[in-house]
Amino acid sequence: MKVLVFGANGQLGRCLLPKLAGHDVVAATRAEIDLTDTQAIAPFITAIQPDSVLNLSAYTAVDKAESDTELAYCINQHAVAAMAQACATLDRPLFHVSTDFVFSGNQSTPYSTDAPCQPIGAYGESKFAGEQAIAQYHPGRSVIVRTAWLYSDVGANFLLSMLRLMRERDTLGIVCDQVGTPTSAYSLADTLVRFLDSDGNGVYHWTDAGVASWYDFAVAIYEEALARDLVPTGVKINPIFTADYPTPAKRPAFSVLDKSRTYDAVQAPKVHWREELRAVLDRLAGQ
């Protein structure tokens, strides 16, 4: 199978590409295609003639999106629309990664795939607009996988930021009233590969199992990293409220996703986020 991967150099792409061994992979980076040039996307896809298109690219700077809205929509909506139109013309499946930020965060139970989307910031709005573009142009052969709180041992993410701060400071204040699920990019990559080999269609959710606040996640990072000699002893982690740490963009207070449709569709394993965290930290520790 020839698989065209957009966003191949990003965190998720770097975790996913090794899992596509055995496929003919075209890893599209910014050097090959500028996604802000949306008119170039369809000719690019047509020239490659892939069997499947996997879009991992996204504008993910949540706070910056509030002021850089045009670029966020360009990458998260208009580029996605061009991909969907090209895939529809070629009758090829499109696999696209979206986000928990399409929801308001006002629920107290996990969001199902058909829950109303009510994003509360420019990032979430632009990602939802991308989903709507796929539904408009290529509803018959597309898979949208929403995920949340993605991290790994590469790129820029909460885990690597925490490890750096834990080495630099002896006290950290971490938000305790935003609840979701930390998700290993390797876990998401495994699930996306399962979808490539399936006949799924529509919207799905994927995170690791369990629930945590950012504070819970930070404490777990410290405990597991300390056990692997990745951080010094004596770092104190204090819980703080969202109101104590204002940001340009609002975050969903609750963004736990219901993954039952994904479990049924591709038999993805249910692994707790803390077990996945240990596996990523083992990579960082060279174990």
Protein backbone atom coordinates (compact mmCIF):
# COMPACT_ATOMS: atom_id res chain seq x y z
CA MET A 1 0.00 0.00 0.00
CA LYS A 2 1.30 3.46 -0.91
CA VAL A 3 0.61 5.79 2.03
CA LEU A 4 1.04 9.55 1.77
CA VAL A 5 1.69 11.06 5.20
CA PHE A 6 1.33 14.80 5.71
CA GLY A 7 3.06 16.18 8.81
CA ALA A 8 5.65 13.43 8.75
CA ASN A 9 8.25 15.46 10.69
CA GLY A 10 5.96 16.28 13.59
CA GLN A 11 5.77 14.49 16.93
CA LEU A 12 3.09 12.03 15.80
CA GLY A 13 4.70 11.51 12.41
CA ARG A 14 8.03 10.60 13.94
CA CYS A 15 6.32 8.05 16.18
CA LEU A 16 4.19 6.64 13.37
CA LEU A 17 6.54 6.28 10.39
CA PRO A 18 8.51 3.33 11.85
CA LYS A 19 5.19 1.49 12.31
CA LEU A 20 4.49 1.69 8.57
CA ALA A 21 7.31 -0.68 7.66
CA GLY A 22 6.16 -2.86 4.80
CA HIS A 23 4.19 -0.05 3.17
CA ASP A 24 5.38 2.28 0.42
CA VAL A 25 5.46 5.49 2.47
CA VAL A 26 5.70 8.99 1.04
CA ALA A 27 6.61 11.20 4.00
CA ALA A 28 5.54 14.72 3.11
CA THR A 29 7.28 17.45 5.11
CA ARG A 30 7.37 21.22 4.65
CA ALA A 31 10.31 20.74 2.30
CA GLU A 32 8.09 18.78 -0.10
CA ILE A 33 4.80 20.67 0.26
CA ASP A 34 3.84 24.00 1.80
CA LEU A 35 0.34 23.45 3.17
CA THR A 36 -0.31 27.18 3.28
CA ASP A 37 -0.28 27.00 -0.54
CA THR A 38 -3.60 25.19 -0.64
CA GLN A 39 -3.76 25.29 -4.45
CA ALA A 40 -0.68 23.05 -4.58
CA ILE A 41 -2.15 20.27 -2.43
CA ALA A 42 -4.41 18.53 -4.95
CA PRO A 43 -1.75 18.39 -7.71
CA PHE A 44 0.73 17.05 -5.16
CA ILE A 45 -1.62 14.24 -4.12
CA THR A 46 -2.60 13.48 -7.71
CA ALA A 47 1.04 13.20 -8.79
CA ILE A 48 1.82 10.70 -6.04
CA GLN A 49 -1.31 8.56 -6.60
CA PRO A 50 -1.38 7.16 -3.06
CA ASP A 51 -3.64 4.34 -1.94
CA SER A 52 -4.32 6.20 1.32
CA VAL A 53 -3.69 9.70 2.66
CA LEU A 54 -2.90 10.23 6.34
CA ASN A 55 -2.99 13.82 7.60
CA LEU A 56 -1.02 14.37 10.80
CA SER A 57 -0.34 18.03 10.09
CA ALA A 58 -1.97 20.75 12.19
CA TYR A 59 -1.53 24.22 13.57
CA THR A 60 -1.43 23.34 17.28
CA ALA A 61 -0.24 26.55 19.00
CA VAL A 62 -3.43 26.94 21.05
CA ASP A 63 -2.68 30.35 22.54
CA LYS A 64 -1.02 31.79 19.45
CA ALA A 65 -4.05 30.79 17.37
CA GLU A 66 -6.06 33.50 19.11
CA SER A 67 -3.97 36.15 17.33
CA ASP A 68 -2.73 34.09 14.37
CA THR A 69 -6.20 32.95 13.39
CA GLU A 70 -5.72 33.19 9.62
CA LEU A 71 -2.80 30.75 9.63
CA ALA A 72 -4.62 28.38 12.02
CA TYR A 73 -7.58 28.20 9.64
CA CYS A 74 -5.31 27.87 6.62
CA ILE A 75 -3.65 24.73 8.00
CA ASN A 76 -6.52 23.27 10.01
CA GLN A 77 -9.39 23.97 7.61
CA HIS A 78 -8.42 25.06 4.10
CA ALA A 79 -5.52 22.62 3.63
CA VAL A 80 -7.71 19.82 4.98
CA ALA A 81 -10.50 20.77 2.57
CA ALA A 82 -8.03 20.55 -0.32
CA MET A 83 -6.91 17.10 0.83
CA ALA A 84 -10.52 15.92 1.13
CA GLN A 85 -11.42 17.19 -2.34
CA ALA A 86 -8.37 15.53 -3.90
CA CYS A 87 -9.04 12.23 -2.13
CA ALA A 88 -12.68 12.34 -3.25
CA THR A 89 -11.63 12.91 -6.85
CA LEU A 90 -9.19 9.99 -6.70
CA ASP A 91 -11.57 7.88 -4.58
CA ARG A 92 -8.89 7.33 -1.94
CA PRO A 93 -9.45 7.13 1.83
CA LEU A 94 -8.40 10.07 3.99
CA PHE A 95 -7.34 9.59 7.60
CA HIS A 96 -7.25 12.78 9.66
CA VAL A 97 -6.30 13.56 13.27
CA SER A 98 -8.44 16.03 15.20
CA THR A 99 -8.72 17.15 18.81
CA ASP A 100 -10.70 17.25 22.04
CA PHE A 101 -10.71 21.05 21.66
CA VAL A 102 -13.75 20.75 19.39
CA PHE A 103 -15.74 20.37 22.63
CA SER A 104 -16.62 23.04 25.19
CA GLY A 105 -15.46 21.04 28.20
CA ASN A 106 -18.72 21.67 30.05
CA GLN A 107 -19.69 17.99 30.33
CA SER A 108 -18.85 15.80 33.29
CA THR A 109 -19.06 12.49 31.41
CA PRO A 110 -16.90 11.32 28.49
CA TYR A 111 -17.69 12.90 25.14
CA SER A 112 -19.16 10.50 22.58
CA THR A 113 -18.26 10.85 18.91
CA ASP A 114 -21.67 12.37 18.15
CA ALA A 115 -21.68 14.86 21.05
CA PRO A 116 -22.31 18.47 19.96
CA CYS A 117 -19.11 20.29 18.99
CA GLN A 118 -18.85 23.67 20.71
CA PRO A 119 -15.21 24.84 20.58
CA ILE A 120 -14.28 27.73 22.86
CA GLY A 121 -11.23 29.12 21.04
CA ALA A 122 -9.72 29.70 17.63
CA TYR A 123 -7.68 26.48 17.66
CA GLY A 124 -10.71 24.29 18.38
CA GLU A 125 -12.86 26.26 15.96
CA SER A 126 -10.33 25.82 13.15
CA LYS A 127 -9.99 22.09 13.82
CA PHE A 128 -13.76 21.66 13.84
CA ALA A 129 -13.92 23.57 10.56
CA GLY A 130 -11.47 21.02 9.15
CA GLU A 131 -13.74 18.18 10.27
CA GLN A 132 -16.69 19.90 8.61
CA ALA A 133 -14.71 20.24 5.37
CA ILE A 134 -14.06 16.49 5.33
CA ALA A 135 -17.76 15.82 5.98
CA GLN A 136 -18.64 18.13 3.09
CA TYR A 137 -16.16 16.95 0.47
CA HIS A 138 -15.33 13.33 1.29
CA PRO A 139 -17.90 11.80 3.65
CA GLY A 140 -17.84 8.35 2.10
CA ARG A 141 -14.22 7.33 2.67
CA SER A 142 -12.78 9.31 5.55
CA VAL A 143 -11.76 8.59 9.12
CA ILE A 144 -11.41 11.39 11.67
CA VAL A 145 -9.66 10.40 14.89
CA ARG A 146 -9.94 12.91 17.73
CA THR A 147 -7.27 12.68 20.40
CA ALA A 148 -6.06 14.66 23.42
CA TRP A 149 -3.05 15.54 25.57
CA LEU A 150 -0.55 14.00 23.18
CA TYR A 151 3.07 13.50 24.29
CA SER A 152 6.15 11.43 23.49
CA ASP A 153 9.93 11.47 23.78
CA VAL A 154 10.26 13.68 20.68
CA GLY A 155 9.06 17.10 19.60
CA ALA A 156 7.51 19.65 21.95
CA ASN A 157 4.99 18.44 24.51
CA PHE A 158 3.97 18.55 28.17
CA LEU A 159 6.15 15.62 29.20
CA LEU A 160 9.37 17.09 27.82
CA SER A 161 8.50 20.54 29.19
CA MET A 162 7.92 19.09 32.65
CA LEU A 163 11.19 17.16 32.62
CA ARG A 164 13.07 20.32 31.66
CA LEU A 165 11.35 22.41 34.35
CA MET A 166 11.91 19.74 36.98
CA ARG A 167 15.63 19.97 36.28
CA GLU A 168 15.61 23.76 36.44
CA ARG A 169 13.31 24.51 39.38
CA ASP A 170 12.56 23.09 42.79
CA THR A 171 8.88 24.11 42.81
CA LEU A 172 6.23 23.91 40.08
CA GLY A 173 2.59 25.00 40.02
CA ILE A 174 0.43 22.84 37.74
CA VAL A 175 -3.25 23.30 36.89
CA CYS A 176 -5.47 20.84 38.72
CA ASP A 177 -8.96 21.73 37.45
CA GLN A 178 -8.58 20.69 33.80
CA VAL A 179 -9.31 16.99 33.34
CA GLY A 180 -8.60 14.74 30.38
CA THR A 181 -6.40 11.80 29.44
CA PRO A 182 -2.65 11.87 28.69
CA THR A 183 -2.03 10.01 25.44
CA SER A 184 1.20 8.56 24.13
CA ALA A 185 1.85 9.46 20.50
CA TYR A 186 3.04 5.86 20.07
CA SER A 187 -0.34 4.59 21.26
CA LEU A 188 -2.16 6.88 18.83
CA ALA A 189 0.20 5.82 16.04
CA ASP A 190 -0.62 2.15 16.68
CA THR A 191 -4.33 2.93 16.48
CA LEU A 192 -3.96 4.90 13.25
CA VAL A 193 -2.15 1.96 11.66
CA ARG A 194 -5.08 -0.24 12.67
CA PHE A 195 -7.43 2.16 10.92
CA LEU A 196 -5.31 2.05 7.76
CA ASP A 197 -5.99 -1.67 7.57
CA SER A 198 -9.73 -1.34 8.36
CA ASP A 199 -12.87 -0.31 6.51
CA GLY A 200 -13.82 2.30 9.11
CA ASN A 201 -15.54 5.54 8.19
CA GLY A 202 -16.62 8.60 10.16
CA VAL A 203 -15.52 10.05 13.50
CA TYR A 204 -13.66 8.11 16.20
CA HIS A 205 -11.98 8.96 19.49
CA TRP A 206 -8.62 7.75 20.78
CA THR A 207 -6.75 8.40 24.00
CA ASP A 208 -5.11 6.07 26.43
CA ALA A 209 -7.31 4.67 29.21
CA GLY A 210 -8.01 6.50 32.45
CA VAL A 211 -8.51 10.09 33.57
CA ALA A 212 -6.17 12.72 35.04
CA SER A 213 -5.73 16.40 35.64
CA TRP A 214 -2.60 18.16 34.42
CA TYR A 215 -1.48 18.16 38.07
CA ASP A 216 -2.00 14.38 38.29
CA PHE A 217 -0.03 13.95 35.06
CA ALA A 218 2.84 16.13 36.32
CA VAL A 219 3.04 14.22 39.62
CA ALA A 220 3.11 10.91 37.75
CA ILE A 221 5.82 12.22 35.43
CA TYR A 222 7.92 13.23 38.41
CA GLU A 223 7.46 9.92 40.25
CA GLU A 224 8.25 7.80 37.20
CA ALA A 225 11.10 10.03 36.00
CA LEU A 226 12.66 10.06 39.48
CA ALA A 227 12.63 6.26 39.50
CA ARG A 228 14.65 6.37 36.27
CA ASP A 229 17.11 9.04 37.47
CA LEU A 230 15.84 11.51 34.87
CA VAL A 231 15.11 14.31 37.36
CA PRO A 232 16.60 15.42 40.71
CA THR A 233 15.04 14.71 44.07
CA GLY A 234 13.21 17.34 46.08
CA VAL A 235 11.04 18.95 43.41
CA LYS A 236 7.72 20.10 44.86
CA ILE A 237 4.64 20.14 42.62
CA ASN A 238 1.76 22.31 43.78
CA PRO A 239 -1.79 22.25 42.41
CA ILE A 240 -3.11 25.56 41.08
CA PHE A 241 -6.40 26.58 39.49
CA THR A 242 -6.92 27.69 35.90
CA ALA A 243 -7.88 31.13 37.20
CA ASP A 244 -4.42 31.42 38.75
CA TYR A 245 -2.73 30.78 35.41
CA PRO A 246 -4.50 32.88 32.76
CA THR A 247 -3.75 32.14 29.09
CA PRO A 248 -4.89 33.85 25.87
CA ALA A 249 -7.00 30.81 24.92
CA LYS A 250 -9.51 29.01 27.11
CA ARG A 251 -9.04 25.29 27.64
CA PRO A 252 -11.81 22.71 28.06
CA ALA A 253 -12.23 21.98 31.76
CA PHE A 254 -13.23 18.39 30.98
CA SER A 255 -12.23 16.66 27.76
CA VAL A 256 -12.34 12.93 28.47
CA LEU A 257 -13.27 11.10 25.25
CA ASP A 258 -15.50 8.04 24.90
CA LYS A 259 -13.44 5.54 22.88
CA SER A 260 -15.97 2.70 22.66
CA ARG A 261 -16.50 3.14 18.91
CA THR A 262 -12.76 2.77 18.30
CA TYR A 263 -12.51 -0.29 20.53
CA ASP A 264 -15.27 -1.90 18.50
CA ALA A 265 -13.95 -0.83 15.09
CA VAL A 266 -10.28 -1.80 15.29
CA GLN A 267 -9.95 -3.78 18.55
CA ALA A 268 -7.40 -1.33 19.91
CA PRO A 269 -6.09 -2.38 23.34
CA LYS A 270 -7.14 -0.54 26.49
CA VAL A 271 -3.91 0.52 28.18
CA HIS A 272 -3.86 2.96 31.11
CA TRP A 273 -2.11 6.26 30.48
CA ARG A 274 0.34 5.67 33.32
CA GLU A 275 1.53 2.41 31.76
CA GLU A 276 2.07 4.22 28.46
CA LEU A 277 3.94 6.98 30.34
CA ARG A 278 6.31 4.39 31.78
CA ALA A 279 7.03 3.05 28.29
CA VAL A 280 7.88 6.53 26.96
CA LEU A 281 10.10 7.31 29.96
CA ASP A 282 11.85 3.99 29.47
CA ARG A 283 12.72 5.19 25.96
CA LEU A 284 14.13 8.42 27.37
CA ALA A 285 16.12 6.50 29.96
CA GLY A 286 17.46 4.11 27.33
CA GLN A 287 15.88 1.11 28.98
